[in-house]
């Protein structure tokens, strides 16, 4: 429900001490009352699937090139005039109920997003 409390988590991913991706995530407090900072320092999906026993069947993702805000540019060590990749994601369970909502900002000069999508 829109009025339900949520956790707001902001994480920075580094490769060789270089900031490559900033993640903002929102998770339901009611659905994940035992969530801790320790869980979020590791894999949130490992916690959700293995400790909460919720099967993640997939993630809806939207990719957009954007110019970063001054805050995001500073965190990713890039310029506000250099585009970054914004990825909006929503993982869902077996009932297609939302598990989380995340926005990822990727420094495309340090990290490329690559996928292999098998044909079914």
PDB file of N, CA and C in Angstrom:
ATOM      1  N   UNK A   1       0.837  -1.178   0.000  1.00  0.00           N
ATOM      2  CA  UNK A   1       0.000   0.000   0.000  1.00  0.00           C
ATOM      3  C   UNK A   1       0.887   1.247   0.000  1.00  0.00           C
ATOM      4  N   UNK A   2       0.455   2.304  -0.635  1.00  0.00           N
ATOM      5  CA  UNK A   2       1.273   3.513  -0.728  1.00  0.00           C
ATOM      6  C   UNK A   2       1.672   4.113   0.621  1.00  0.00           C
ATOM      7  N   UNK A   3       0.868   3.929   1.649  1.00  0.00           N
ATOM      8  CA  UNK A   3       1.172   4.526   2.944  1.00  0.00           C
ATOM      9  C   UNK A   3       2.019   3.616   3.839  1.00  0.00           C
ATOM     10  N   UNK A   4       2.285   2.392   3.402  1.00  0.00           N
ATOM     11  CA  UNK A   4       3.083   1.465   4.205  1.00  0.00           C
ATOM     12  C   UNK A   4       4.517   1.970   4.345  1.00  0.00           C
ATOM     13  N   UNK A   5       5.155   1.704   5.497  1.00  0.00           N
ATOM     14  CA  UNK A   5       6.549   2.141   5.676  1.00  0.00           C
ATOM     15  C   UNK A   5       7.489   1.344   4.777  1.00  0.00           C
ATOM     16  N   UNK A   6       8.540   2.011   4.331  1.00  0.00           N
ATOM     17  CA  UNK A   6       9.541   1.361   3.486  1.00  0.00           C
ATOM     18  C   UNK A   6      10.939   1.664   4.007  1.00  0.00           C
ATOM     19  N   UNK A   7      11.829   0.724   3.747  1.00  0.00           N
ATOM     20  CA  UNK A   7      13.247   0.980   3.953  1.00  0.00           C
ATOM     21  C   UNK A   7      13.743   1.712   2.715  1.00  0.00           C
ATOM     22  N   UNK A   8      14.628   2.676   2.919  1.00  0.00           N
ATOM     23  CA  UNK A   8      15.324   3.322   1.806  1.00  0.00           C
ATOM     24  C   UNK A   8      16.794   2.995   1.984  1.00  0.00           C
ATOM     25  N   UNK A   9      17.375   2.363   0.981  1.00  0.00           N
ATOM     26  CA  UNK A   9      18.771   1.939   1.045  1.00  0.00           C
ATOM     27  C   UNK A   9      19.521   2.556  -0.127  1.00  0.00           C
ATOM     28  N   UNK A  10      20.674   3.105   0.165  1.00  0.00           N
ATOM     29  CA  UNK A  10      21.520   3.687  -0.882  1.00  0.00           C
ATOM     30  C   UNK A  10      22.873   2.988  -0.793  1.00  0.00           C
ATOM     31  N   UNK A  11      23.273   2.355  -1.904  1.00  0.00           N
ATOM     32  CA  UNK A  11      24.535   1.613  -1.924  1.00  0.00           C
ATOM     33  C   UNK A  11      25.384   2.062  -3.107  1.00  0.00           C
ATOM     34  N   UNK A  12      26.690   2.028  -2.903  1.00  0.00           N
ATOM     35  CA  UNK A  12      27.635   2.361  -3.960  1.00  0.00           C
ATOM     36  C   UNK A  12      28.439   1.113  -4.287  1.00  0.00           C
ATOM     37  N   UNK A  13      28.471   0.770  -5.565  1.00  0.00           N
ATOM     38  CA  UNK A  13      29.267  -0.379  -6.010  1.00  0.00           C
ATOM     39  C   UNK A  13      30.594   0.135  -6.563  1.00  0.00           C
ATOM     40  N   UNK A  14      31.656  -0.542  -6.164  1.00  0.00           N
ATOM     41  CA  UNK A  14      33.009  -0.174  -6.580  1.00  0.00           C
ATOM     42  C   UNK A  14      33.661  -1.346  -7.294  1.00  0.00           C
ATOM     43  N   UNK A  15      34.485  -1.045  -8.281  1.00  0.00           N
ATOM     44  CA  UNK A  15      35.372  -2.025  -8.899  1.00  0.00           C
ATOM     45  C   UNK A  15      36.761  -1.410  -8.866  1.00  0.00           C
ATOM     46  N   UNK A  16      37.696  -2.126  -8.252  1.00  0.00           N
ATOM     47  CA  UNK A  16      39.058  -1.608  -8.080  1.00  0.00           C
ATOM     48  C   UNK A  16      39.033  -0.210  -7.467  1.00  0.00           C
ATOM     49  N   UNK A  17      38.200  -0.030  -6.467  1.00  0.00           N
ATOM     50  CA  UNK A  17      38.043   1.233  -5.733  1.00  0.00           C
ATOM     51  C   UNK A  17      37.487   2.378  -6.577  1.00  0.00           C
ATOM     52  N   UNK A  18      36.966   2.071  -7.757  1.00  0.00           N
ATOM     53  CA  UNK A  18      36.333   3.096  -8.593  1.00  0.00           C
ATOM     54  C   UNK A  18      34.822   2.973  -8.464  1.00  0.00           C
ATOM     55  N   UNK A  19      34.140   4.087  -8.223  1.00  0.00           N
ATOM     56  CA  UNK A  19      32.678   4.032  -8.141  1.00  0.00           C
ATOM     57  C   UNK A  19      32.076   3.805  -9.527  1.00  0.00           C
ATOM     58  N   UNK A  20      31.324   2.731  -9.666  1.00  0.00           N
ATOM     59  CA  UNK A  20      30.766   2.405 -10.978  1.00  0.00           C
ATOM     60  C   UNK A  20      29.245   2.445 -11.007  1.00  0.00           C
ATOM     61  N   UNK A  21      28.620   2.260  -9.831  1.00  0.00           N
ATOM     62  CA  UNK A  21      27.159   2.232  -9.833  1.00  0.00           C
ATOM     63  C   UNK A  21      26.620   2.651  -8.469  1.00  0.00           C
ATOM     64  N   UNK A  22      25.641   3.538  -8.510  1.00  0.00           N
ATOM     65  CA  UNK A  22      24.927   3.965  -7.315  1.00  0.00           C
ATOM     66  C   UNK A  22      23.542   3.344  -7.364  1.00  0.00           C
ATOM     67  N   UNK A  23      23.149   2.698  -6.278  1.00  0.00           N
ATOM     68  CA  UNK A  23      21.846   2.035  -6.217  1.00  0.00           C
ATOM     69  C   UNK A  23      21.007   2.654  -5.111  1.00  0.00           C
ATOM     70  N   UNK A  24      19.765   2.977  -5.443  1.00  0.00           N
ATOM     71  CA  UNK A  24      18.772   3.378  -4.456  1.00  0.00           C
ATOM     72  C   UNK A  24      17.677   2.319  -4.482  1.00  0.00           C
ATOM     73  N   UNK A  25      17.354   1.767  -3.324  1.00  0.00           N
ATOM     74  CA  UNK A  25      16.366   0.693  -3.241  1.00  0.00           C
ATOM     75  C   UNK A  25      15.336   1.010  -2.170  1.00  0.00           C
ATOM     76  N   UNK A  26      14.098   0.636  -2.476  1.00  0.00           N
ATOM     77  CA  UNK A  26      13.004   0.752  -1.526  1.00  0.00           C
ATOM     78  C   UNK A  26      12.428  -0.643  -1.311  1.00  0.00           C
ATOM     79  N   UNK A  27      12.319  -1.051  -0.040  1.00  0.00           N
ATOM     80  CA  UNK A  27      11.780  -2.361   0.334  1.00  0.00           C
ATOM     81  C   UNK A  27      10.729  -2.171   1.422  1.00  0.00           C
ATOM     82  N   UNK A  28       9.695  -2.981   1.387  1.00  0.00           N
ATOM     83  CA  UNK A  28       8.615  -2.909   2.369  1.00  0.00           C
ATOM     84  C   UNK A  28       9.092  -3.335   3.757  1.00  0.00           C
ATOM     85  N   UNK A  29       8.859  -2.479   4.746  1.00  0.00           N
ATOM     86  CA  UNK A  29       9.179  -2.831   6.129  1.00  0.00           C
ATOM     87  C   UNK A  29       8.277  -3.973   6.592  1.00  0.00           C
ATOM     88  N   UNK A  30       7.013  -3.936   6.198  1.00  0.00           N
ATOM     89  CA  UNK A  30       6.073  -4.985   6.613  1.00  0.00           C
ATOM     90  C   UNK A  30       6.451  -6.350   6.035  1.00  0.00           C
ATOM     91  N   UNK A  31       6.943  -6.358   4.816  1.00  0.00           N
ATOM     92  CA  UNK A  31       7.291  -7.628   4.170  1.00  0.00           C
ATOM     93  C   UNK A  31       8.647  -8.157   4.638  1.00  0.00           C
ATOM     94  N   UNK A  32       9.545  -7.251   4.999  1.00  0.00           N
ATOM     95  CA  UNK A  32      10.903  -7.640   5.398  1.00  0.00           C
ATOM     96  C   UNK A  32      11.268  -7.017   6.748  1.00  0.00           C
ATOM     97  N   UNK A  33      10.536  -7.354   7.819  1.00  0.00           N
ATOM     98  CA  UNK A  33      10.770  -6.697   9.112  1.00  0.00           C
ATOM     99  C   UNK A  33      12.128  -7.009   9.734  1.00  0.00           C
ATOM    100  N   UNK A  34      12.749  -8.116   9.354  1.00  0.00           N
ATOM    101  CA  UNK A  34      14.032  -8.505   9.949  1.00  0.00           C
ATOM    102  C   UNK A  34      15.234  -8.024   9.136  1.00  0.00           C
ATOM    103  N   UNK A  35      15.008  -7.240   8.087  1.00  0.00           N
ATOM    104  CA  UNK A  35      16.105  -6.749   7.246  1.00  0.00           C
ATOM    105  C   UNK A  35      17.069  -5.907   8.072  1.00  0.00           C
ATOM    106  N   UNK A  36      18.365  -6.157   7.873  1.00  0.00           N
ATOM    107  CA  UNK A  36      19.390  -5.404   8.601  1.00  0.00           C
ATOM    108  C   UNK A  36      20.384  -4.780   7.617  1.00  0.00           C
ATOM    109  N   UNK A  37      21.192  -3.898   8.134  1.00  0.00           N
ATOM    110  CA  UNK A  37      22.265  -3.311   7.325  1.00  0.00           C
ATOM    111  C   UNK A  37      23.210  -4.409   6.850  1.00  0.00           C
ATOM    112  N   UNK A  38      23.453  -5.378   7.698  1.00  0.00           N
ATOM    113  CA  UNK A  38      24.328  -6.498   7.329  1.00  0.00           C
ATOM    114  C   UNK A  38      23.808  -7.228   6.097  1.00  0.00           C
ATOM    115  N   UNK A  39      22.500  -7.453   6.027  1.00  0.00           N
ATOM    116  CA  UNK A  39      21.928  -8.087   4.834  1.00  0.00           C
ATOM    117  C   UNK A  39      22.220  -7.256   3.586  1.00  0.00           C
ATOM    118  N   UNK A  40      22.074  -5.951   3.704  1.00  0.00           N
ATOM    119  CA  UNK A  40      22.238  -5.077   2.542  1.00  0.00           C
ATOM    120  C   UNK A  40      23.700  -4.874   2.165  1.00  0.00           C
ATOM    121  N   UNK A  41      24.615  -5.223   3.045  1.00  0.00           N
ATOM    122  CA  UNK A  41      26.034  -5.165   2.684  1.00  0.00           C
ATOM    123  C   UNK A  41      26.410  -6.340   1.787  1.00  0.00           C
ATOM    124  N   UNK A  42      25.509  -7.298   1.695  1.00  0.00           N
ATOM    125  CA  UNK A  42      25.695  -8.460   0.832  1.00  0.00           C
ATOM    126  C   UNK A  42      24.621  -8.423  -0.252  1.00  0.00           C
ATOM    127  N   UNK A  43      24.114  -9.556  -0.633  1.00  0.00           N
ATOM    128  CA  UNK A  43      23.111  -9.629  -1.696  1.00  0.00           C
ATOM    129  C   UNK A  43      21.704  -9.545  -1.110  1.00  0.00           C
ATOM    130  N   UNK A  44      20.961  -8.531  -1.516  1.00  0.00           N
ATOM    131  CA  UNK A  44      19.578  -8.424  -1.031  1.00  0.00           C
ATOM    132  C   UNK A  44      18.747  -9.586  -1.553  1.00  0.00           C
ATOM    133  N   UNK A  45      19.031 -10.043  -2.765  1.00  0.00           N
ATOM    134  CA  UNK A  45      18.260 -11.148  -3.318  1.00  0.00           C
ATOM    135  C   UNK A  45      18.576 -12.467  -2.607  1.00  0.00           C
ATOM    136  N   UNK A  46      19.800 -12.652  -2.149  1.00  0.00           N
ATOM    137  CA  UNK A  46      20.124 -13.840  -1.352  1.00  0.00           C
ATOM    138  C   UNK A  46      19.293 -13.823  -0.076  1.00  0.00           C
ATOM    139  N   UNK A  47      19.238 -12.681   0.591  1.00  0.00           N
ATOM    140  CA  UNK A  47      18.437 -12.542   1.814  1.00  0.00           C
ATOM    141  C   UNK A  47      16.964 -12.835   1.529  1.00  0.00           C
ATOM    142  N   UNK A  48      16.425 -12.251   0.484  1.00  0.00           N
ATOM    143  CA  UNK A  48      15.005 -12.412   0.161  1.00  0.00           C
ATOM    144  C   UNK A  48      14.677 -13.871  -0.144  1.00  0.00           C
ATOM    145  N   UNK A  49      15.515 -14.508  -0.953  1.00  0.00           N
ATOM    146  CA  UNK A  49      15.212 -15.882  -1.362  1.00  0.00           C
ATOM    147  C   UNK A  49      15.550 -16.920  -0.290  1.00  0.00           C
ATOM    148  N   UNK A  50      16.663 -16.759   0.403  1.00  0.00           N
ATOM    149  CA  UNK A  50      17.126 -17.799   1.315  1.00  0.00           C
ATOM    150  C   UNK A  50      16.701 -17.610   2.766  1.00  0.00           C
ATOM    151  N   UNK A  51      16.546 -16.383   3.206  1.00  0.00           N
ATOM    152  CA  UNK A  51      16.127 -16.159   4.589  1.00  0.00           C
ATOM    153  C   UNK A  51      14.632 -15.871   4.699  1.00  0.00           C
ATOM    154  N   UNK A  52      14.065 -15.259   3.676  1.00  0.00           N
ATOM    155  CA  UNK A  52      12.628 -14.951   3.697  1.00  0.00           C
ATOM    156  C   UNK A  52      11.813 -15.977   2.919  1.00  0.00           C
ATOM    157  N   UNK A  53      12.506 -16.861   2.203  1.00  0.00           N
ATOM    158  CA  UNK A  53      11.851 -17.914   1.405  1.00  0.00           C
ATOM    159  C   UNK A  53      10.848 -17.359   0.402  1.00  0.00           C
ATOM    160  N   UNK A  54      11.232 -16.288  -0.258  1.00  0.00           N
ATOM    161  CA  UNK A  54      10.415 -15.692  -1.316  1.00  0.00           C
ATOM    162  C   UNK A  54      11.120 -15.957  -2.639  1.00  0.00           C
ATOM    163  N   UNK A  55      10.438 -16.603  -3.549  1.00  0.00           N
ATOM    164  CA  UNK A  55      11.018 -16.901  -4.863  1.00  0.00           C
ATOM    165  C   UNK A  55      10.871 -15.680  -5.767  1.00  0.00           C
ATOM    166  N   UNK A  56      11.993 -15.224  -6.288  1.00  0.00           N
ATOM    167  CA  UNK A  56      12.006 -14.119  -7.248  1.00  0.00           C
ATOM    168  C   UNK A  56      11.911 -14.741  -8.634  1.00  0.00           C
ATOM    169  N   UNK A  57      10.846 -14.416  -9.366  1.00  0.00           N
ATOM    170  CA  UNK A  57      10.699 -15.025 -10.695  1.00  0.00           C
ATOM    171  C   UNK A  57      11.258 -14.146 -11.802  1.00  0.00           C
ATOM    172  N   UNK A  58      11.528 -12.887 -11.502  1.00  0.00           N
ATOM    173  CA  UNK A  58      12.078 -12.015 -12.527  1.00  0.00           C
ATOM    174  C   UNK A  58      12.085 -10.568 -12.094  1.00  0.00           C
ATOM    175  N   UNK A  59      12.594  -9.750 -12.989  1.00  0.00           N
ATOM    176  CA  UNK A  59      12.714  -8.327 -12.726  1.00  0.00           C
ATOM    177  C   UNK A  59      12.326  -7.556 -13.974  1.00  0.00           C
ATOM    178  N   UNK A  60      11.453  -6.586 -13.789  1.00  0.00           N
ATOM    179  CA  UNK A  60      11.152  -5.643 -14.860  1.00  0.00           C
ATOM    180  C   UNK A  60      12.242  -4.577 -14.830  1.00  0.00           C
ATOM    181  N   UNK A  61      12.803  -4.240 -15.987  1.00  0.00           N
ATOM    182  CA  UNK A  61      13.882  -3.258 -16.042  1.00  0.00           C
ATOM    183  C   UNK A  61      13.637  -2.267 -17.165  1.00  0.00           C
ATOM    184  N   UNK A  62      13.933  -1.006 -16.880  1.00  0.00           N
ATOM    185  CA  UNK A  62      13.848   0.064 -17.866  1.00  0.00           C
ATOM    186  C   UNK A  62      15.194   0.784 -17.890  1.00  0.00           C
ATOM    187  N   UNK A  63      15.776   0.916 -19.079  1.00  0.00           N
ATOM    188  CA  UNK A  63      17.079   1.560 -19.252  1.00  0.00           C
ATOM    189  C   UNK A  63      16.886   2.921 -19.913  1.00  0.00           C
ATOM    190  N   UNK A  64      17.526   3.945 -19.359  1.00  0.00           N
ATOM    191  CA  UNK A  64      17.420   5.290 -19.926  1.00  0.00           C
ATOM    192  C   UNK A  64      18.762   6.006 -19.811  1.00  0.00           C
ATOM    193  N   UNK A  65      19.209   6.656 -20.894  1.00  0.00           N
ATOM    194  CA  UNK A  65      20.374   7.527 -20.756  1.00  0.00           C
ATOM    195  C   UNK A  65      19.915   8.838 -20.124  1.00  0.00           C
ATOM    196  N   UNK A  66      20.646   9.300 -19.127  1.00  0.00           N
ATOM    197  CA  UNK A  66      20.296  10.551 -18.446  1.00  0.00           C
ATOM    198  C   UNK A  66      21.574  11.313 -18.124  1.00  0.00           C
ATOM    199  N   UNK A  67      21.412  12.587 -17.847  1.00  0.00           N
ATOM    200  CA  UNK A  67      22.515  13.370 -17.306  1.00  0.00           C
ATOM    201  C   UNK A  67      22.396  13.317 -15.786  1.00  0.00           C
ATOM    202  N   UNK A  68      23.491  13.084 -15.097  1.00  0.00           N
ATOM    203  CA  UNK A  68      23.403  12.935 -13.645  1.00  0.00           C
ATOM    204  C   UNK A  68      23.149  14.262 -12.939  1.00  0.00           C
ATOM    205  N   UNK A  69      22.532  14.157 -11.786  1.00  0.00           N
ATOM    206  CA  UNK A  69      22.413  15.319 -10.915  1.00  0.00           C
ATOM    207  C   UNK A  69      23.810  15.646 -10.396  1.00  0.00           C
ATOM    208  N   UNK A  70      24.029  16.828  -9.876  1.00  0.00           N
ATOM    209  CA  UNK A  70      25.346  17.124  -9.295  1.00  0.00           C
ATOM    210  C   UNK A  70      25.750  16.124  -8.207  1.00  0.00           C
ATOM    211  N   UNK A  71      24.781  15.683  -7.384  1.00  0.00           N
ATOM    212  CA  UNK A  71      25.093  14.712  -6.329  1.00  0.00           C
ATOM    213  C   UNK A  71      25.557  13.383  -6.922  1.00  0.00           C
ATOM    214  N   UNK A  72      24.823  12.861  -7.890  1.00  0.00           N
ATOM    215  CA  UNK A  72      25.181  11.576  -8.505  1.00  0.00           C
ATOM    216  C   UNK A  72      26.507  11.698  -9.254  1.00  0.00           C
ATOM    217  N   UNK A  73      26.710  12.793  -9.965  1.00  0.00           N
ATOM    218  CA  UNK A  73      27.975  13.000 -10.681  1.00  0.00           C
ATOM    219  C   UNK A  73      29.153  13.000  -9.710  1.00  0.00           C
ATOM    220  N   UNK A  74      28.985  13.647  -8.587  1.00  0.00           N
ATOM    221  CA  UNK A  74      30.048  13.691  -7.585  1.00  0.00           C
ATOM    222  C   UNK A  74      30.343  12.298  -7.033  1.00  0.00           C
ATOM    223  N   UNK A  75      29.302  11.539  -6.723  1.00  0.00           N
ATOM    224  CA  UNK A  75      29.474  10.191  -6.171  1.00  0.00           C
ATOM    225  C   UNK A  75      30.148   9.265  -7.181  1.00  0.00           C
ATOM    226  N   UNK A  76      29.755   9.366  -8.461  1.00  0.00           N
ATOM    227  CA  UNK A  76      30.303   8.490  -9.499  1.00  0.00           C
ATOM    228  C   UNK A  76      31.586   9.029 -10.133  1.00  0.00           C
ATOM    229  N   UNK A  77      32.060  10.166  -9.652  1.00  0.00           N
ATOM    230  CA  UNK A  77      33.278  10.795 -10.171  1.00  0.00           C
ATOM    231  C   UNK A  77      33.174  11.051 -11.672  1.00  0.00           C
ATOM    232  N   UNK A  78      32.076  11.635 -12.070  1.00  0.00           N
ATOM    233  CA  UNK A  78      31.870  11.990 -13.466  1.00  0.00           C
ATOM    234  C   UNK A  78      31.369  13.430 -13.523  1.00  0.00           C
ATOM    235  N   UNK A  79      31.064  13.894 -14.698  1.00  0.00           N
ATOM    236  CA  UNK A  79      30.607  15.265 -14.895  1.00  0.00           C
ATOM    237  C   UNK A  79      29.096  15.293 -15.116  1.00  0.00           C
ATOM    238  N   UNK A  80      28.482  16.411 -14.798  1.00  0.00           N
ATOM    239  CA  UNK A  80      27.040  16.551 -15.040  1.00  0.00           C
ATOM    240  C   UNK A  80      26.723  16.643 -16.531  1.00  0.00           C
ATOM    241  N   UNK A  81      27.741  16.818 -17.367  1.00  0.00           N
ATOM    242  CA  UNK A  81      27.492  16.881 -18.818  1.00  0.00           C
ATOM    243  C   UNK A  81      27.780  15.554 -19.520  1.00  0.00           C
ATOM    244  N   UNK A  82      28.256  14.565 -18.756  1.00  0.00           N
ATOM    245  CA  UNK A  82      28.490  13.234 -19.319  1.00  0.00           C
ATOM    246  C   UNK A  82      27.300  12.341 -18.996  1.00  0.00           C
ATOM    247  N   UNK A  83      26.707  11.703 -19.999  1.00  0.00           N
ATOM    248  CA  UNK A  83      25.541  10.854 -19.717  1.00  0.00           C
ATOM    249  C   UNK A  83      25.916   9.631 -18.885  1.00  0.00           C
ATOM    250  N   UNK A  84      24.946   9.173 -18.131  1.00  0.00           N
ATOM    251  CA  UNK A  84      25.067   7.928 -17.383  1.00  0.00           C
ATOM    252  C   UNK A  84      23.870   7.060 -17.755  1.00  0.00           C
ATOM    253  N   UNK A  85      23.887   5.820 -17.316  1.00  0.00           N
ATOM    254  CA  UNK A  85      22.769   4.926 -17.582  1.00  0.00           C
ATOM    255  C   UNK A  85      21.929   4.794 -16.315  1.00  0.00           C
ATOM    256  N   UNK A  86      20.653   5.118 -16.433  1.00  0.00           N
ATOM    257  CA  UNK A  86      19.702   4.963 -15.331  1.00  0.00           C
ATOM    258  C   UNK A  86      18.903   3.692 -15.594  1.00  0.00           C
ATOM    259  N   UNK A  87      18.897   2.788 -14.610  1.00  0.00           N
ATOM    260  CA  UNK A  87      18.165   1.531 -14.733  1.00  0.00           C
ATOM    261  C   UNK A  87      17.146   1.471 -13.598  1.00  0.00           C
ATOM    262  N   UNK A  88      15.884   1.426 -13.962  1.00  0.00           N
ATOM    263  CA  UNK A  88      14.818   1.285 -12.971  1.00  0.00           C
ATOM    264  C   UNK A  88      14.402  -0.177 -12.965  1.00  0.00           C
ATOM    265  N   UNK A  89      14.359  -0.789 -11.778  1.00  0.00           N
ATOM    266  CA  UNK A  89      14.050  -2.210 -11.686  1.00  0.00           C
ATOM    267  C   UNK A  89      12.966  -2.474 -10.648  1.00  0.00           C
ATOM    268  N   UNK A  90      12.202  -3.505 -10.913  1.00  0.00           N
ATOM    269  CA  UNK A  90      11.235  -3.983  -9.929  1.00  0.00           C
ATOM    270  C   UNK A  90      11.197  -5.504 -10.002  1.00  0.00           C
ATOM    271  N   UNK A  91      11.696  -6.146  -8.948  1.00  0.00           N
ATOM    272  CA  UNK A  91      11.653  -7.604  -8.860  1.00  0.00           C
ATOM    273  C   UNK A  91      10.266  -8.018  -8.397  1.00  0.00           C
ATOM    274  N   UNK A  92       9.819  -9.184  -8.893  1.00  0.00           N
ATOM    275  CA  UNK A  92       8.494  -9.683  -8.522  1.00  0.00           C
ATOM    276  C   UNK A  92       8.588 -11.141  -8.082  1.00  0.00           C
ATOM    277  N   UNK A  93       7.616 -11.528  -7.246  1.00  0.00           N
ATOM    278  CA  UNK A  93       7.550 -12.910  -6.780  1.00  0.00           C
ATOM    279  C   UNK A  93       6.640 -13.734  -7.682  1.00  0.00           C
ATOM    280  N   UNK A  94       6.327 -14.942  -7.257  1.00  0.00           N
ATOM    281  CA  UNK A  94       5.527 -15.862  -8.081  1.00  0.00           C
ATOM    282  C   UNK A  94       4.107 -15.368  -8.340  1.00  0.00           C
ATOM    283  N   UNK A  95       3.620 -14.476  -7.501  1.00  0.00           N
ATOM    284  CA  UNK A  95       2.284 -13.895  -7.701  1.00  0.00           C
ATOM    285  C   UNK A  95       2.371 -12.557  -8.446  1.00  0.00           C
ATOM    286  N   UNK A  96       3.557 -12.236  -8.922  1.00  0.00           N
ATOM    287  CA  UNK A  96       3.850 -10.962  -9.586  1.00  0.00           C
ATOM    288  C   UNK A  96       3.651  -9.772  -8.645  1.00  0.00           C
ATOM    289  N   UNK A  97       3.791 -10.018  -7.341  1.00  0.00           N
ATOM    290  CA  UNK A  97       3.745  -8.931  -6.366  1.00  0.00           C
ATOM    291  C   UNK A  97       5.136  -8.326  -6.275  1.00  0.00           C
ATOM    292  N   UNK A  98       5.221  -7.003  -6.190  1.00  0.00           N
ATOM    293  CA  UNK A  98       6.533  -6.354  -6.120  1.00  0.00           C
ATOM    294  C   UNK A  98       7.316  -6.777  -4.879  1.00  0.00           C
ATOM    295  N   UNK A  99       8.595  -6.982  -5.079  1.00  0.00           N
ATOM    296  CA  UNK A  99       9.501  -7.305  -3.979  1.00  0.00           C
ATOM    297  C   UNK A  99      10.293  -6.067  -3.588  1.00  0.00           C
ATOM    298  N   UNK A 100      10.810  -5.392  -4.580  1.00  0.00           N
ATOM    299  CA  UNK A 100      11.569  -4.170  -4.328  1.00  0.00           C
ATOM    300  C   UNK A 100      11.397  -3.235  -5.512  1.00  0.00           C
ATOM    301  N   UNK A 101      11.852  -2.029  -5.341  1.00  0.00           N
ATOM    302  CA  UNK A 101      11.952  -1.072  -6.440  1.00  0.00           C
ATOM    303  C   UNK A 101      13.321  -0.439  -6.298  1.00  0.00           C
ATOM    304  N   UNK A 102      14.070  -0.408  -7.383  1.00  0.00           N
ATOM    305  CA  UNK A 102      15.415   0.158  -7.333  1.00  0.00           C
ATOM    306  C   UNK A 102      15.661   1.057  -8.529  1.00  0.00           C
ATOM    307  N   UNK A 103      16.508   2.044  -8.297  1.00  0.00           N
ATOM    308  CA  UNK A 103      17.038   2.882  -9.371  1.00  0.00           C
ATOM    309  C   UNK A 103      18.554   2.778  -9.279  1.00  0.00           C
ATOM    310  N   UNK A 104      19.169   2.379 -10.391  1.00  0.00           N
ATOM    311  CA  UNK A 104      20.615   2.254 -10.451  1.00  0.00           C
ATOM    312  C   UNK A 104      21.153   3.292 -11.427  1.00  0.00           C
ATOM    313  N   UNK A 105      22.218   3.955 -11.029  1.00  0.00           N
ATOM    314  CA  UNK A 105      22.888   4.928 -11.883  1.00  0.00           C
ATOM    315  C   UNK A 105      24.278   4.382 -12.177  1.00  0.00           C
ATOM    316  N   UNK A 106      24.569   4.131 -13.451  1.00  0.00           N
ATOM    317  CA  UNK A 106      25.836   3.510 -13.831  1.00  0.00           C
ATOM    318  C   UNK A 106      26.712   4.481 -14.606  1.00  0.00           C
ATOM    319  N   UNK A 107      27.969   4.550 -14.204  1.00  0.00           N
ATOM    320  CA  UNK A 107      28.963   5.336 -14.920  1.00  0.00           C
ATOM    321  C   UNK A 107      29.380   4.521 -16.145  1.00  0.00           C
ATOM    322  N   UNK A 108      28.892   4.917 -17.310  1.00  0.00           N
ATOM    323  CA  UNK A 108      29.119   4.130 -18.525  1.00  0.00           C
ATOM    324  C   UNK A 108      30.571   4.154 -18.993  1.00  0.00           C
ATOM    325  N   UNK A 109      31.364   5.067 -18.455  1.00  0.00           N
ATOM    326  CA  UNK A 109      32.772   5.129 -18.831  1.00  0.00           C
ATOM    327  C   UNK A 109      33.608   4.137 -18.020  1.00  0.00           C
ATOM    328  N   UNK A 110      33.054   3.649 -16.919  1.00  0.00           N
ATOM    329  CA  UNK A 110      33.750   2.687 -16.067  1.00  0.00           C
ATOM    330  C   UNK A 110      33.111   1.301 -16.083  1.00  0.00           C
ATOM    331  N   UNK A 111      31.836   1.223 -16.492  1.00  0.00           N
ATOM    332  CA  UNK A 111      31.097  -0.030 -16.360  1.00  0.00           C
ATOM    333  C   UNK A 111      30.033  -0.106 -17.439  1.00  0.00           C
ATOM    334  N   UNK A 112      30.054  -1.194 -18.193  1.00  0.00           N
ATOM    335  CA  UNK A 112      29.035  -1.406 -19.211  1.00  0.00           C
ATOM    336  C   UNK A 112      28.094  -2.505 -18.730  1.00  0.00           C
ATOM    337  N   UNK A 113      26.809  -2.290 -18.939  1.00  0.00           N
ATOM    338  CA  UNK A 113      25.808  -3.292 -18.598  1.00  0.00           C
ATOM    339  C   UNK A 113      25.679  -4.229 -19.787  1.00  0.00           C
ATOM    340  N   UNK A 114      25.862  -5.528 -19.547  1.00  0.00           N
ATOM    341  CA  UNK A 114      25.791  -6.509 -20.627  1.00  0.00           C
ATOM    342  C   UNK A 114      24.838  -7.623 -20.224  1.00  0.00           C
ATOM    343  N   UNK A 115      24.066  -8.092 -21.188  1.00  0.00           N
ATOM    344  CA  UNK A 115      23.113  -9.166 -20.941  1.00  0.00           C
ATOM    345  C   UNK A 115      23.214 -10.217 -22.033  1.00  0.00           C
ATOM    346  N   UNK A 116      22.945 -11.446 -21.660  1.00  0.00           N
ATOM    347  CA  UNK A 116      22.685 -12.517 -22.612  1.00  0.00           C
ATOM    348  C   UNK A 116      21.237 -12.914 -22.387  1.00  0.00           C
ATOM    349  N   UNK A 117      20.409 -12.806 -23.402  1.00  0.00           N
ATOM    350  CA  UNK A 117      18.993 -13.135 -23.294  1.00  0.00           C
ATOM    351  C   UNK A 117      18.718 -14.372 -24.137  1.00  0.00           C
ATOM    352  N   UNK A 118      18.545 -15.526 -23.485  1.00  0.00           N
ATOM    353  CA  UNK A 118      18.322 -16.754 -24.256  1.00  0.00           C
ATOM    354  C   UNK A 118      16.955 -16.761 -24.924  1.00  0.00           C
ATOM    355  N   UNK A 119      16.892 -17.386 -26.083  1.00  0.00           N
ATOM    356  CA  UNK A 119      15.601 -17.573 -26.764  1.00  0.00           C
ATOM    357  C   UNK A 119      14.892 -18.721 -26.088  1.00  0.00           C
ATOM    358  N   UNK A 120      13.596 -18.610 -26.004  1.00  0.00           N
ATOM    359  CA  UNK A 120      12.845 -19.697 -25.361  1.00  0.00           C
ATOM    360  C   UNK A 120      12.027 -20.452 -26.355  1.00  0.00           C
TER     361      UNK A 120
END
